[in-house]
N, C-alpha and C. Protein backbone atom coordinates (compact mmCIF):
# COMPACT_ATOMS: atom_id res chain seq x y z
N UNK A 1 63.81 184.71 118.53
CA UNK A 1 65.20 184.76 119.15
C UNK A 1 66.20 184.50 118.03
N UNK A 2 67.30 185.20 118.15
CA UNK A 2 68.33 185.25 117.05
C UNK A 2 69.09 183.99 117.14
N UNK A 3 69.43 183.17 116.07
CA UNK A 3 70.12 181.99 116.13
C UNK A 3 71.46 182.15 116.70
N UNK A 4 71.89 181.09 117.38
CA UNK A 4 73.20 181.15 118.14
C UNK A 4 74.33 181.48 117.29
N UNK A 5 74.49 181.06 116.16
CA UNK A 5 75.63 181.30 115.28
C UNK A 5 75.81 182.64 114.86
N UNK A 6 74.69 183.45 114.83
CA UNK A 6 74.67 184.91 114.47
C UNK A 6 75.62 185.64 115.45
N UNK A 7 75.82 185.08 116.69
CA UNK A 7 76.63 185.81 117.64
C UNK A 7 78.20 185.74 117.39
N UNK A 8 78.53 185.01 116.44
CA UNK A 8 79.93 185.00 116.04
C UNK A 8 80.35 186.50 115.68
N UNK A 9 79.48 187.31 115.21
CA UNK A 9 79.85 188.58 114.76
C UNK A 9 79.83 189.60 115.89
N UNK A 10 79.43 189.23 117.09
CA UNK A 10 79.33 190.06 118.18
C UNK A 10 80.39 189.76 119.22
N UNK A 11 81.54 190.50 119.31
CA UNK A 11 82.55 190.15 120.29
C UNK A 11 82.03 190.35 121.69
N UNK A 12 82.21 189.20 122.37
CA UNK A 12 81.71 189.15 123.77
C UNK A 12 82.39 190.25 124.70
N UNK A 13 83.64 190.57 124.39
CA UNK A 13 84.42 191.48 125.13
C UNK A 13 83.70 192.93 125.03
N UNK A 14 83.23 193.26 123.84
CA UNK A 14 82.47 194.60 123.74
C UNK A 14 81.20 194.59 124.46
N UNK A 15 80.46 193.52 124.28
CA UNK A 15 79.15 193.33 125.11
C UNK A 15 79.45 193.48 126.55
N UNK A 16 80.45 192.71 127.05
CA UNK A 16 80.74 192.66 128.49
C UNK A 16 81.11 194.08 128.97
N UNK A 17 81.97 194.79 128.11
CA UNK A 17 82.36 196.15 128.57
C UNK A 17 81.18 197.03 128.69
N UNK A 18 80.18 196.98 127.85
CA UNK A 18 79.06 197.87 127.92
C UNK A 18 78.09 197.50 128.81
N UNK A 19 77.84 196.15 129.01
CA UNK A 19 76.75 195.72 129.86
C UNK A 19 77.25 195.51 131.32
N UNK A 20 78.60 195.25 131.39
CA UNK A 20 79.37 195.05 132.70
C UNK A 20 79.51 193.62 133.08
N UNK A 21 80.80 193.23 133.54
CA UNK A 21 81.00 191.88 133.78
C UNK A 21 80.11 191.38 134.99
N UNK A 22 79.82 192.25 136.11
CA UNK A 22 79.05 191.70 137.14
C UNK A 22 77.63 191.37 136.70
N UNK A 23 77.08 192.30 135.81
CA UNK A 23 75.66 191.93 135.33
C UNK A 23 75.54 190.67 134.42
N UNK A 24 76.64 190.44 133.72
CA UNK A 24 76.77 189.31 132.83
C UNK A 24 77.17 187.94 133.58
N UNK A 25 77.78 188.10 134.70
CA UNK A 25 78.31 186.92 135.35
C UNK A 25 77.31 185.82 135.66
N UNK A 26 75.98 186.09 136.13
CA UNK A 26 75.00 185.08 136.44
C UNK A 26 74.70 184.37 135.09
N UNK A 27 74.68 185.11 133.95
CA UNK A 27 74.28 184.37 132.61
C UNK A 27 75.44 183.50 132.22
N UNK A 28 76.63 183.89 132.49
CA UNK A 28 77.84 183.01 132.17
C UNK A 28 77.80 181.85 132.98
N UNK A 29 77.46 181.94 134.20
CA UNK A 29 77.38 180.88 135.20
C UNK A 29 76.33 179.85 134.73
N UNK A 30 75.16 180.42 134.35
CA UNK A 30 74.05 179.57 133.95
C UNK A 30 74.40 178.74 132.60
N UNK A 31 75.23 179.42 131.92
CA UNK A 31 75.61 178.78 130.63
C UNK A 31 77.08 178.08 130.61
N UNK A 32 77.49 177.85 131.90
CA UNK A 32 78.87 177.16 132.12
C UNK A 32 79.90 177.84 131.17
N UNK A 33 79.91 179.14 131.29
CA UNK A 33 81.03 179.88 130.69
C UNK A 33 80.89 180.09 129.18
N UNK A 34 79.81 179.60 128.56
CA UNK A 34 79.66 179.83 127.09
C UNK A 34 79.22 181.28 126.83
N UNK A 35 80.11 182.04 126.37
CA UNK A 35 79.74 183.51 126.22
C UNK A 35 78.60 183.71 125.16
N UNK A 36 78.53 182.99 124.11
CA UNK A 36 77.60 183.27 123.15
C UNK A 36 76.17 182.92 123.71
N UNK A 37 76.09 181.76 124.35
CA UNK A 37 74.88 181.35 125.08
C UNK A 37 74.40 182.31 126.15
N UNK A 38 75.45 182.86 126.71
CA UNK A 38 75.17 183.90 127.90
C UNK A 38 74.49 185.05 127.25
N UNK A 39 74.98 185.55 126.13
CA UNK A 39 74.39 186.71 125.55
C UNK A 39 72.97 186.34 125.05
N UNK A 40 72.83 185.27 124.54
CA UNK A 40 71.31 184.82 124.15
C UNK A 40 70.44 184.71 125.40
N UNK A 41 71.03 184.18 126.51
CA UNK A 41 70.07 184.18 127.73
C UNK A 41 69.81 185.61 128.18
N UNK A 42 70.80 186.39 128.12
CA UNK A 42 70.54 187.83 128.47
C UNK A 42 69.48 188.41 127.61
N UNK A 43 69.60 188.21 126.34
CA UNK A 43 68.46 188.71 125.46
C UNK A 43 67.13 188.09 125.77
N UNK A 44 67.18 186.89 126.15
CA UNK A 44 65.86 186.24 126.49
C UNK A 44 65.30 186.79 127.73
N UNK A 45 66.15 187.05 128.68
CA UNK A 45 65.74 187.66 130.01
C UNK A 45 65.05 189.10 129.71
N UNK A 46 65.63 189.88 128.83
CA UNK A 46 65.14 191.13 128.37
C UNK A 46 63.78 190.97 127.71
N UNK A 47 63.68 190.03 126.84
CA UNK A 47 62.40 189.71 126.21
C UNK A 47 61.32 189.35 127.14
N UNK A 48 61.70 188.52 128.13
CA UNK A 48 60.61 188.07 129.17
C UNK A 48 60.26 189.27 130.08
N UNK A 49 61.21 190.07 130.47
CA UNK A 49 60.97 191.22 131.25
C UNK A 49 59.92 192.16 130.51
N UNK A 50 60.21 192.38 129.14
CA UNK A 50 59.34 193.18 128.46
C UNK A 50 58.00 192.61 128.29
N UNK A 51 57.70 191.35 128.21
CA UNK A 51 56.44 190.76 128.13
C UNK A 51 55.66 190.86 129.54
N UNK A 52 56.40 190.75 130.60
CA UNK A 52 55.77 191.00 131.90
C UNK A 52 55.46 192.47 132.09
N UNK A 53 56.35 193.38 131.58
CA UNK A 53 56.09 194.73 131.72
C UNK A 53 54.78 195.14 130.95
N UNK A 54 54.67 194.58 129.82
CA UNK A 54 53.40 194.84 129.17
C UNK A 54 52.07 194.56 129.94
N UNK A 55 52.13 193.52 130.72
CA UNK A 55 50.99 193.19 131.50
C UNK A 55 50.82 194.20 132.66
N UNK A 56 51.94 194.48 133.28
CA UNK A 56 51.93 195.52 134.36
C UNK A 56 51.38 196.77 133.85
N UNK A 57 51.81 197.28 132.62
CA UNK A 57 51.39 198.49 132.04
C UNK A 57 49.90 198.56 131.84
N UNK A 58 49.31 197.42 131.39
CA UNK A 58 47.87 197.37 131.25
C UNK A 58 47.17 197.41 132.53
N UNK A 59 47.68 196.59 133.46
CA UNK A 59 47.10 196.53 134.82
C UNK A 59 47.29 197.82 135.52
N UNK A 60 48.28 198.62 135.48
CA UNK A 60 48.57 199.78 136.19
C UNK A 60 47.44 200.81 135.85
N UNK A 61 47.20 201.01 134.57
CA UNK A 61 46.14 201.92 134.06
C UNK A 61 44.82 201.55 134.64
N UNK A 62 44.50 200.26 134.58
CA UNK A 62 43.20 199.82 135.18
C UNK A 62 43.14 200.19 136.66
N UNK A 63 44.16 199.93 137.39
CA UNK A 63 44.17 200.19 138.82
C UNK A 63 43.98 201.62 139.19
N UNK A 64 44.78 202.54 138.39
CA UNK A 64 44.72 203.87 138.56
C UNK A 64 43.31 204.46 138.46
N UNK A 65 42.62 204.04 137.27
CA UNK A 65 41.31 204.54 136.94
C UNK A 65 40.31 204.02 137.98
N UNK A 66 40.41 202.79 138.48
CA UNK A 66 39.60 202.18 139.49
C UNK A 66 39.61 202.99 140.77
N UNK A 67 40.86 203.25 141.20
CA UNK A 67 41.06 203.92 142.49
C UNK A 67 40.67 205.41 142.41
N UNK A 68 40.93 206.03 141.20
CA UNK A 68 40.47 207.39 140.89
C UNK A 68 38.94 207.44 141.02
N UNK A 69 38.34 206.52 140.40
CA UNK A 69 36.72 206.54 140.50
C UNK A 69 36.30 206.45 141.96
N UNK A 70 36.88 205.56 142.72
CA UNK A 70 36.46 205.38 144.04
C UNK A 70 36.83 206.53 145.05
N UNK A 71 37.92 207.15 144.80
CA UNK A 71 38.34 208.27 145.51
C UNK A 71 37.39 209.55 145.16
N UNK A 72 37.11 209.58 143.92
CA UNK A 72 36.20 210.74 143.47
C UNK A 72 34.82 210.56 144.08
N UNK A 73 34.35 209.30 144.21
CA UNK A 73 33.08 209.02 144.70
C UNK A 73 33.10 209.40 146.22
N UNK A 74 34.20 209.10 146.90
CA UNK A 74 34.31 209.37 148.34
C UNK A 74 34.44 210.87 148.48
N UNK A 75 35.12 211.63 147.66
CA UNK A 75 35.30 213.04 147.73
C UNK A 75 33.98 213.74 147.54
N UNK A 76 33.10 213.29 146.62
CA UNK A 76 31.74 213.80 146.52
C UNK A 76 30.85 213.51 147.65
N UNK A 77 30.94 212.34 148.22
CA UNK A 77 30.15 211.92 149.36
C UNK A 77 30.48 212.78 150.61
N UNK A 78 31.74 213.19 150.65
CA UNK A 78 32.11 214.02 151.77
C UNK A 78 31.81 215.54 151.61
N UNK A 79 31.43 215.91 150.42
CA UNK A 79 31.01 217.18 150.12
C UNK A 79 32.16 218.13 149.88
N UNK A 80 33.32 217.63 149.40
CA UNK A 80 34.37 218.45 149.11
C UNK A 80 34.46 218.97 147.77
N UNK A 81 35.02 220.08 147.52
CA UNK A 81 35.10 220.75 146.21
C UNK A 81 36.33 220.22 145.54
N UNK A 82 36.35 220.51 144.15
CA UNK A 82 37.46 220.14 143.41
C UNK A 82 37.71 218.70 143.23
N UNK A 83 38.93 218.31 143.03
CA UNK A 83 39.31 216.87 142.74
C UNK A 83 40.22 216.42 143.93
N UNK A 84 39.93 215.09 144.29
CA UNK A 84 40.61 214.55 145.47
C UNK A 84 42.13 214.61 145.33
N UNK A 85 42.70 214.55 144.15
CA UNK A 85 44.13 214.45 143.97
C UNK A 85 44.84 215.65 144.51
N UNK A 86 44.11 216.78 144.69
CA UNK A 86 44.82 218.02 145.27
C UNK A 86 44.83 218.05 146.70
N UNK A 87 44.11 217.01 147.40
CA UNK A 87 44.17 216.75 148.91
C UNK A 87 43.85 218.05 149.63
N UNK A 88 42.80 218.65 149.28
CA UNK A 88 42.43 220.04 150.03
C UNK A 88 42.17 219.83 151.58
N UNK A 89 41.94 218.51 151.94
CA UNK A 89 41.72 218.20 153.34
C UNK A 89 42.93 217.86 154.08
N UNK A 90 43.99 217.75 153.34
CA UNK A 90 45.32 217.46 153.80
C UNK A 90 45.36 216.03 154.48
N UNK A 91 44.54 215.19 154.17
CA UNK A 91 44.53 213.79 154.75
C UNK A 91 45.53 212.89 154.12
N UNK A 92 46.08 213.31 152.91
CA UNK A 92 47.05 212.48 152.21
C UNK A 92 48.41 212.93 152.44
N UNK A 93 48.56 214.03 153.28
CA UNK A 93 49.87 214.58 153.65
C UNK A 93 50.32 215.79 152.93
N UNK A 94 49.41 216.44 152.25
CA UNK A 94 49.75 217.82 151.77
C UNK A 94 49.99 218.78 152.81
N UNK A 95 50.82 219.65 152.56
CA UNK A 95 51.18 220.68 153.57
C UNK A 95 50.08 221.67 153.85
N UNK A 96 49.63 221.90 155.09
CA UNK A 96 48.56 222.85 155.28
C UNK A 96 48.98 224.35 155.10
N UNK A 97 50.29 224.57 154.96
CA UNK A 97 50.80 225.90 154.47
C UNK A 97 52.15 225.72 153.80
N UNK A 98 52.45 226.75 152.99
CA UNK A 98 53.65 226.69 152.17
C UNK A 98 54.93 226.61 152.96
N UNK A 99 54.88 226.82 154.17
CA UNK A 99 56.20 226.84 154.96
C UNK A 99 56.54 225.38 155.39
N UNK A 100 55.65 224.45 155.22
CA UNK A 100 55.83 223.07 155.66
C UNK A 100 56.04 222.14 154.43
N UNK A 101 56.82 221.10 154.60
CA UNK A 101 57.00 220.19 153.53
C UNK A 101 55.86 219.09 153.63
N UNK A 102 55.32 218.73 152.44
CA UNK A 102 54.29 217.63 152.49
C UNK A 102 54.91 216.34 152.75
N UNK A 103 54.05 215.44 153.11
CA UNK A 103 54.47 214.05 153.49
C UNK A 103 53.90 213.04 152.39
N UNK A 104 54.37 211.88 152.54
CA UNK A 104 53.78 210.71 151.69
C UNK A 104 52.32 210.48 152.21
N UNK A 105 51.51 210.14 151.27
CA UNK A 105 51.78 209.92 149.83
C UNK A 105 51.70 211.19 148.96
N UNK A 106 51.31 212.30 149.54
CA UNK A 106 51.14 213.46 148.70
C UNK A 106 52.44 213.95 148.07
N UNK A 107 53.59 213.67 148.65
CA UNK A 107 54.86 213.98 148.02
C UNK A 107 54.94 213.49 146.51
N UNK A 108 54.32 212.34 146.34
CA UNK A 108 54.24 211.69 145.04
C UNK A 108 53.42 212.52 143.97
N UNK A 109 52.34 213.06 144.57
CA UNK A 109 51.54 213.94 143.80
C UNK A 109 52.21 215.23 143.42
N UNK A 110 52.93 215.75 144.28
CA UNK A 110 53.69 217.04 144.09
C UNK A 110 54.77 216.71 142.92
N UNK A 111 55.36 215.62 143.07
CA UNK A 111 56.32 215.15 141.99
C UNK A 111 55.74 215.03 140.60
N UNK A 112 54.41 214.51 140.72
CA UNK A 112 53.70 214.37 139.37
C UNK A 112 53.30 215.73 138.80
N UNK A 113 52.90 216.67 139.78
CA UNK A 113 52.59 218.10 139.27
C UNK A 113 53.84 218.69 138.74
N UNK A 114 54.88 218.43 139.33
CA UNK A 114 56.24 218.98 138.78
C UNK A 114 56.47 218.50 137.31
N UNK A 115 56.19 217.29 137.15
CA UNK A 115 56.40 216.66 135.85
C UNK A 115 55.46 217.20 134.75
N UNK A 116 54.25 217.43 135.17
CA UNK A 116 53.29 217.99 134.30
C UNK A 116 53.60 219.41 133.80
N UNK A 117 54.16 220.16 134.87
CA UNK A 117 54.62 221.48 134.48
C UNK A 117 55.85 221.56 133.63
N UNK A 118 56.75 220.61 133.83
CA UNK A 118 57.94 220.53 133.03
C UNK A 118 57.54 220.18 131.54
N UNK A 119 56.55 219.36 131.47
CA UNK A 119 56.12 218.96 130.06
C UNK A 119 55.11 219.98 129.47
N UNK A 120 54.90 221.07 130.21
CA UNK A 120 54.04 222.11 129.74
C UNK A 120 52.65 221.61 129.35
N UNK A 121 52.05 220.67 130.15
CA UNK A 121 50.79 220.21 129.97
C UNK A 121 49.78 220.89 130.89
N UNK A 122 48.54 220.86 130.71
CA UNK A 122 47.60 221.57 131.54
C UNK A 122 47.57 220.91 132.87
N UNK A 123 47.46 221.63 133.86
CA UNK A 123 47.54 221.17 135.34
C UNK A 123 46.05 220.66 135.73
N UNK A 124 45.71 219.64 135.06
CA UNK A 124 44.27 219.04 135.45
C UNK A 124 44.48 217.66 135.99
N UNK A 125 43.50 217.21 136.75
CA UNK A 125 43.67 215.90 137.41
C UNK A 125 44.06 214.74 136.55
N UNK A 126 43.47 214.64 135.32
CA UNK A 126 43.89 213.55 134.50
C UNK A 126 45.33 213.53 134.13
N UNK A 127 45.87 214.72 133.93
CA UNK A 127 47.34 214.75 133.61
C UNK A 127 48.27 214.45 134.81
N UNK A 128 47.84 214.92 135.97
CA UNK A 128 48.54 214.62 137.16
C UNK A 128 48.55 213.12 137.53
N UNK A 129 47.42 212.55 137.37
CA UNK A 129 47.17 211.08 137.68
C UNK A 129 47.97 210.22 136.73
N UNK A 130 48.01 210.70 135.55
CA UNK A 130 48.89 209.89 134.56
C UNK A 130 50.43 210.03 134.83
N UNK A 131 50.88 210.88 135.71
CA UNK A 131 52.19 211.09 136.08
C UNK A 131 52.62 210.49 137.38
N UNK A 132 51.59 210.01 138.01
CA UNK A 132 51.93 209.50 139.36
C UNK A 132 52.59 208.17 139.29
N UNK A 133 53.26 207.78 140.34
CA UNK A 133 54.05 206.60 140.36
C UNK A 133 53.21 205.42 140.84
N UNK A 134 53.60 204.16 140.47
CA UNK A 134 52.84 202.98 140.86
C UNK A 134 52.80 202.93 142.50
N UNK A 135 54.02 203.46 143.05
CA UNK A 135 54.09 203.43 144.59
C UNK A 135 53.02 204.36 145.25
N UNK A 136 52.49 205.28 144.58
CA UNK A 136 51.59 206.27 145.16
C UNK A 136 50.27 205.37 145.29
N UNK A 137 49.85 204.64 144.34
CA UNK A 137 48.58 203.94 144.36
C UNK A 137 48.83 202.74 145.49
N UNK A 138 49.98 202.29 145.50
CA UNK A 138 50.31 201.21 146.46
C UNK A 138 50.05 201.80 147.86
N UNK A 139 50.41 202.99 148.07
CA UNK A 139 50.35 203.59 149.43
C UNK A 139 48.82 203.84 149.78
N UNK A 140 47.96 204.09 148.79
CA UNK A 140 46.59 204.44 149.04
C UNK A 140 45.79 203.18 149.57
N UNK A 141 46.36 201.99 149.20
CA UNK A 141 45.64 200.79 149.70
C UNK A 141 46.56 200.12 150.92
N UNK A 142 47.48 200.83 151.40
CA UNK A 142 48.33 200.37 152.54
C UNK A 142 47.66 200.48 153.85
N UNK A 143 48.18 199.90 154.84
CA UNK A 143 47.71 199.85 156.17
C UNK A 143 47.76 201.33 156.69
N UNK A 144 48.73 202.11 156.37
CA UNK A 144 48.87 203.54 156.81
C UNK A 144 47.71 204.37 156.38
N UNK A 145 47.21 204.02 155.28
CA UNK A 145 46.03 204.78 154.65
C UNK A 145 44.72 203.95 154.82
N UNK A 146 44.67 203.14 155.83
CA UNK A 146 43.61 202.30 156.02
C UNK A 146 42.27 202.87 156.11
N UNK A 147 42.29 204.21 156.47
CA UNK A 147 40.89 204.85 156.57
C UNK A 147 40.31 204.99 155.24
N UNK A 148 41.01 204.81 154.07
CA UNK A 148 40.42 204.87 152.76
C UNK A 148 39.86 203.57 152.33
N UNK A 149 40.28 202.45 152.87
CA UNK A 149 39.88 201.17 152.46
C UNK A 149 38.33 200.84 152.27
N UNK A 150 37.54 201.34 153.32
CA UNK A 150 36.12 201.07 153.17
C UNK A 150 35.59 201.62 151.91
N UNK A 151 36.16 202.72 151.33
CA UNK A 151 35.68 203.31 150.06
C UNK A 151 36.36 202.69 148.91
N UNK A 152 37.58 202.17 149.07
CA UNK A 152 38.31 201.58 147.95
C UNK A 152 37.97 200.04 147.75
N UNK A 153 37.61 199.43 148.82
CA UNK A 153 37.35 197.98 148.60
C UNK A 153 36.37 197.59 147.53
N UNK A 154 35.41 198.34 147.26
CA UNK A 154 34.40 198.04 146.24
C UNK A 154 34.98 198.12 144.84
N UNK A 155 36.22 198.68 144.71
CA UNK A 155 36.91 198.78 143.38
C UNK A 155 37.51 197.48 142.99
N UNK A 156 37.51 196.50 143.98
CA UNK A 156 38.02 195.14 143.71
C UNK A 156 37.07 194.16 144.10
N UNK A 157 35.93 194.21 143.42
CA UNK A 157 34.70 193.45 143.78
C UNK A 157 34.93 192.00 143.64
N UNK A 158 35.87 191.48 142.80
CA UNK A 158 36.00 190.07 142.59
C UNK A 158 37.20 189.44 143.39
N UNK A 159 37.80 190.19 144.25
CA UNK A 159 38.77 189.74 145.15
C UNK A 159 38.17 188.62 146.05
N UNK A 160 38.92 187.58 146.33
CA UNK A 160 38.44 186.49 147.21
C UNK A 160 38.17 187.05 148.74
N UNK A 161 38.80 188.12 149.05
CA UNK A 161 38.73 188.68 150.27
C UNK A 161 38.54 190.11 150.36
N UNK A 162 37.76 190.73 151.13
CA UNK A 162 37.67 192.16 151.17
C UNK A 162 38.69 192.77 152.26
N UNK A 163 39.50 191.90 152.74
CA UNK A 163 40.61 192.24 153.67
C UNK A 163 41.59 193.19 152.97
N UNK A 164 41.79 194.37 153.51
CA UNK A 164 42.81 195.20 152.86
C UNK A 164 44.14 194.66 152.70
N UNK A 165 44.58 193.75 153.49
CA UNK A 165 45.90 193.08 153.39
C UNK A 165 46.00 192.26 152.08
N UNK A 166 44.90 191.77 151.61
CA UNK A 166 45.02 190.90 150.40
C UNK A 166 45.48 191.78 149.23
N UNK A 167 44.80 192.94 149.03
CA UNK A 167 45.08 193.81 147.88
C UNK A 167 46.51 194.47 148.13
N UNK A 168 46.73 194.83 149.36
CA UNK A 168 48.02 195.59 149.72
C UNK A 168 49.23 194.66 149.41
N UNK A 169 49.10 193.30 149.82
CA UNK A 169 50.17 192.50 149.51
C UNK A 169 50.39 192.16 148.01
N UNK A 170 49.31 192.10 147.31
CA UNK A 170 49.47 191.89 145.84
C UNK A 170 50.09 193.22 145.24
N UNK A 171 49.59 194.34 145.72
CA UNK A 171 50.31 195.66 145.22
C UNK A 171 51.71 195.60 145.37
N UNK A 172 52.13 195.36 146.60
CA UNK A 172 53.55 195.39 146.98
C UNK A 172 54.35 194.38 146.11
N UNK A 173 53.82 193.11 146.03
CA UNK A 173 54.56 192.19 145.16
C UNK A 173 54.73 192.66 143.81
N UNK A 174 53.66 193.21 143.21
CA UNK A 174 53.79 193.73 141.82
C UNK A 174 54.67 194.88 141.66
N UNK A 175 54.68 195.80 142.68
CA UNK A 175 55.62 196.90 142.72
C UNK A 175 57.02 196.41 142.71
N UNK A 176 57.28 195.44 143.54
CA UNK A 176 58.64 194.97 143.72
C UNK A 176 59.06 194.21 142.33
N UNK A 177 58.23 193.56 141.72
CA UNK A 177 58.56 192.98 140.41
C UNK A 177 58.72 194.06 139.35
N UNK A 178 57.87 195.04 139.39
CA UNK A 178 58.09 196.26 138.45
C UNK A 178 59.42 196.94 138.63
N UNK A 179 59.79 197.16 139.94
CA UNK A 179 61.10 197.77 140.22
C UNK A 179 62.29 196.84 139.72
N UNK A 180 62.13 195.53 139.89
CA UNK A 180 63.10 194.70 139.45
C UNK A 180 63.37 194.78 137.96
N UNK A 181 62.24 194.77 137.17
CA UNK A 181 62.32 194.85 135.70
C UNK A 181 62.91 196.13 135.30
N UNK A 182 62.48 197.29 135.96
CA UNK A 182 62.86 198.63 135.52
C UNK A 182 64.40 198.85 135.84
N UNK A 183 64.85 198.07 136.80
CA UNK A 183 66.33 198.17 137.00
C UNK A 183 67.13 197.08 136.22
N UNK A 184 66.49 196.41 135.27
CA UNK A 184 67.05 195.49 134.40
C UNK A 184 67.76 194.32 135.15
N UNK A 185 67.06 193.84 136.24
CA UNK A 185 67.67 192.71 137.00
C UNK A 185 67.37 191.47 136.15
N UNK A 186 67.97 190.40 136.54
CA UNK A 186 67.75 189.06 136.00
C UNK A 186 66.44 188.63 136.61
N UNK A 187 65.58 187.91 135.88
CA UNK A 187 64.31 187.35 136.46
C UNK A 187 64.64 185.84 136.77
N UNK A 188 64.66 185.51 138.09
CA UNK A 188 64.81 184.14 138.55
C UNK A 188 63.44 183.42 138.25
N UNK A 189 63.47 182.14 138.19
CA UNK A 189 62.30 181.40 137.85
C UNK A 189 61.14 181.64 138.76
N UNK A 190 61.25 181.82 140.03
CA UNK A 190 60.18 182.10 140.84
C UNK A 190 59.59 183.44 140.52
N UNK A 191 60.43 184.40 140.23
CA UNK A 191 59.92 185.74 139.78
C UNK A 191 59.11 185.69 138.60
N UNK A 192 59.50 184.76 137.58
CA UNK A 192 58.81 184.66 136.28
C UNK A 192 57.42 184.06 136.62
N UNK A 193 57.36 182.90 137.34
CA UNK A 193 56.14 182.19 137.53
C UNK A 193 55.14 182.94 138.43
N UNK A 194 55.71 183.48 139.49
CA UNK A 194 54.91 184.30 140.45
C UNK A 194 54.49 185.58 139.77
N UNK A 195 55.34 186.19 138.89
CA UNK A 195 55.04 187.49 138.33
C UNK A 195 53.81 187.57 137.54
N UNK A 196 53.68 186.58 136.56
CA UNK A 196 52.48 186.64 135.79
C UNK A 196 51.27 186.28 136.58
N UNK A 197 51.36 185.35 137.59
CA UNK A 197 50.31 184.93 138.42
C UNK A 197 49.77 186.10 139.27
N UNK A 198 50.55 186.84 139.89
CA UNK A 198 50.14 187.96 140.75
C UNK A 198 49.48 189.06 139.88
N UNK A 199 50.05 189.31 138.72
CA UNK A 199 49.33 190.31 137.92
C UNK A 199 47.99 189.91 137.50
N UNK A 200 47.82 188.60 137.06
CA UNK A 200 46.55 188.13 136.70
C UNK A 200 45.53 188.06 137.88
N UNK A 201 46.11 187.87 139.06
CA UNK A 201 45.25 187.74 140.27
C UNK A 201 44.69 189.06 140.58
N UNK A 202 45.50 190.13 140.45
CA UNK A 202 45.02 191.56 140.65
C UNK A 202 44.03 191.94 139.63
N UNK A 203 44.33 191.53 138.35
CA UNK A 203 43.38 191.89 137.32
C UNK A 203 42.06 191.24 137.54
N UNK A 204 42.07 189.99 138.05
CA UNK A 204 40.78 189.15 138.31
C UNK A 204 40.01 189.86 139.44
N UNK A 205 40.71 190.46 140.35
CA UNK A 205 40.05 191.20 141.50
C UNK A 205 39.32 192.33 140.99
N UNK A 206 39.77 193.00 139.91
CA UNK A 206 39.10 194.16 139.25
C UNK A 206 37.86 193.66 138.42
N UNK A 207 38.09 192.60 137.61
CA UNK A 207 37.03 192.01 136.90
C UNK A 207 37.60 190.75 136.17
N UNK A 208 36.91 189.67 136.24
CA UNK A 208 37.38 188.39 135.49
C UNK A 208 37.67 188.55 134.08
N UNK A 209 36.75 189.38 133.38
CA UNK A 209 36.87 189.59 132.00
C UNK A 209 38.15 190.38 131.64
N UNK A 210 38.58 191.32 132.55
CA UNK A 210 39.74 192.12 132.42
C UNK A 210 40.92 191.17 132.54
N UNK A 211 40.86 190.22 133.36
CA UNK A 211 41.89 189.26 133.56
C UNK A 211 42.05 188.40 132.34
N UNK A 212 40.85 188.01 131.76
CA UNK A 212 40.86 187.23 130.51
C UNK A 212 41.52 187.97 129.37
N UNK A 213 41.33 189.31 129.37
CA UNK A 213 42.00 190.08 128.27
C UNK A 213 43.49 190.04 128.44
N UNK A 214 43.95 190.32 129.63
CA UNK A 214 45.34 190.20 129.94
C UNK A 214 45.94 188.86 129.52
N UNK A 215 45.29 187.77 129.90
CA UNK A 215 45.76 186.48 129.56
C UNK A 215 45.79 186.29 128.05
N UNK A 216 44.88 186.86 127.34
CA UNK A 216 44.92 186.77 125.91
C UNK A 216 46.04 187.47 125.16
N UNK A 217 46.58 188.56 125.73
CA UNK A 217 47.70 189.28 125.23
C UNK A 217 48.94 188.87 125.79
N UNK A 218 48.98 188.17 126.77
CA UNK A 218 50.18 187.78 127.42
C UNK A 218 51.21 186.96 126.55
N UNK A 219 52.42 187.37 126.45
CA UNK A 219 53.51 186.65 125.61
C UNK A 219 54.41 185.83 126.66
N UNK A 220 54.05 185.82 127.86
CA UNK A 220 55.04 185.33 128.83
C UNK A 220 55.31 183.81 128.61
N UNK A 221 54.23 183.04 128.51
CA UNK A 221 54.44 181.59 128.32
C UNK A 221 55.19 181.22 127.03
N UNK A 222 54.83 182.02 125.99
CA UNK A 222 55.51 181.79 124.71
C UNK A 222 56.98 182.02 124.78
N UNK A 223 57.32 183.15 125.47
CA UNK A 223 58.79 183.51 125.57
C UNK A 223 59.49 182.54 126.53
N UNK A 224 58.81 182.15 127.62
CA UNK A 224 59.39 181.19 128.56
C UNK A 224 59.77 179.91 127.81
N UNK A 225 58.95 179.45 126.82
CA UNK A 225 59.18 178.26 126.13
C UNK A 225 60.46 178.39 125.23
N UNK A 226 60.92 179.67 124.91
CA UNK A 226 62.00 179.81 124.06
C UNK A 226 63.36 180.04 124.79
N UNK A 227 63.40 179.68 126.04
CA UNK A 227 64.54 179.94 126.90
C UNK A 227 65.74 179.17 126.21
N UNK A 228 66.89 179.91 125.87
CA UNK A 228 68.04 179.19 125.27
C UNK A 228 68.59 178.12 126.08
């Protein structure tokens, strides 16, 4: 963290103009109007958000690969050709004909396919999956897609409950935290404490040693201790 006196060379008015007064207001209030401390607190919040984002990034890849494996096993068991991500059975909302619009969650797959094409990458399952949103995977474990859960539950063998709601609620909480960080919002104390906890809880549901790895790379506690 940059020493406080270094901020003498950064005019608060310029920072406020570019960041915006409404966005900086909570930091000013927390620092009793001290503009230099407010900028430090803003920087600290960004550092903390980045540390939590690192954990989400590692977790998200693990979740995607886990669900992909289970969906592939299901696809094979049902005797279907190709890869499940193309939804040839239309059970994920893909349009049965080109004259109709697809529905969720397949709309997210179509958007991922469009991104792959724009990037001029090969249109293969691995590329499409890498472009899918976190929300897509959230939908696959949701109540609306509950018919998938019997096949997906084994992907979370260390969860304390096989109830679909347990994983679905964790997913939703992590998605909300992810969105909060991606929109550069301030992290309130409950969001900080709960954030790392729910990420590790989901990682532990996948495998305790995966959780241990995330704990070993986490910078959250270290940055928390450096709060200005």
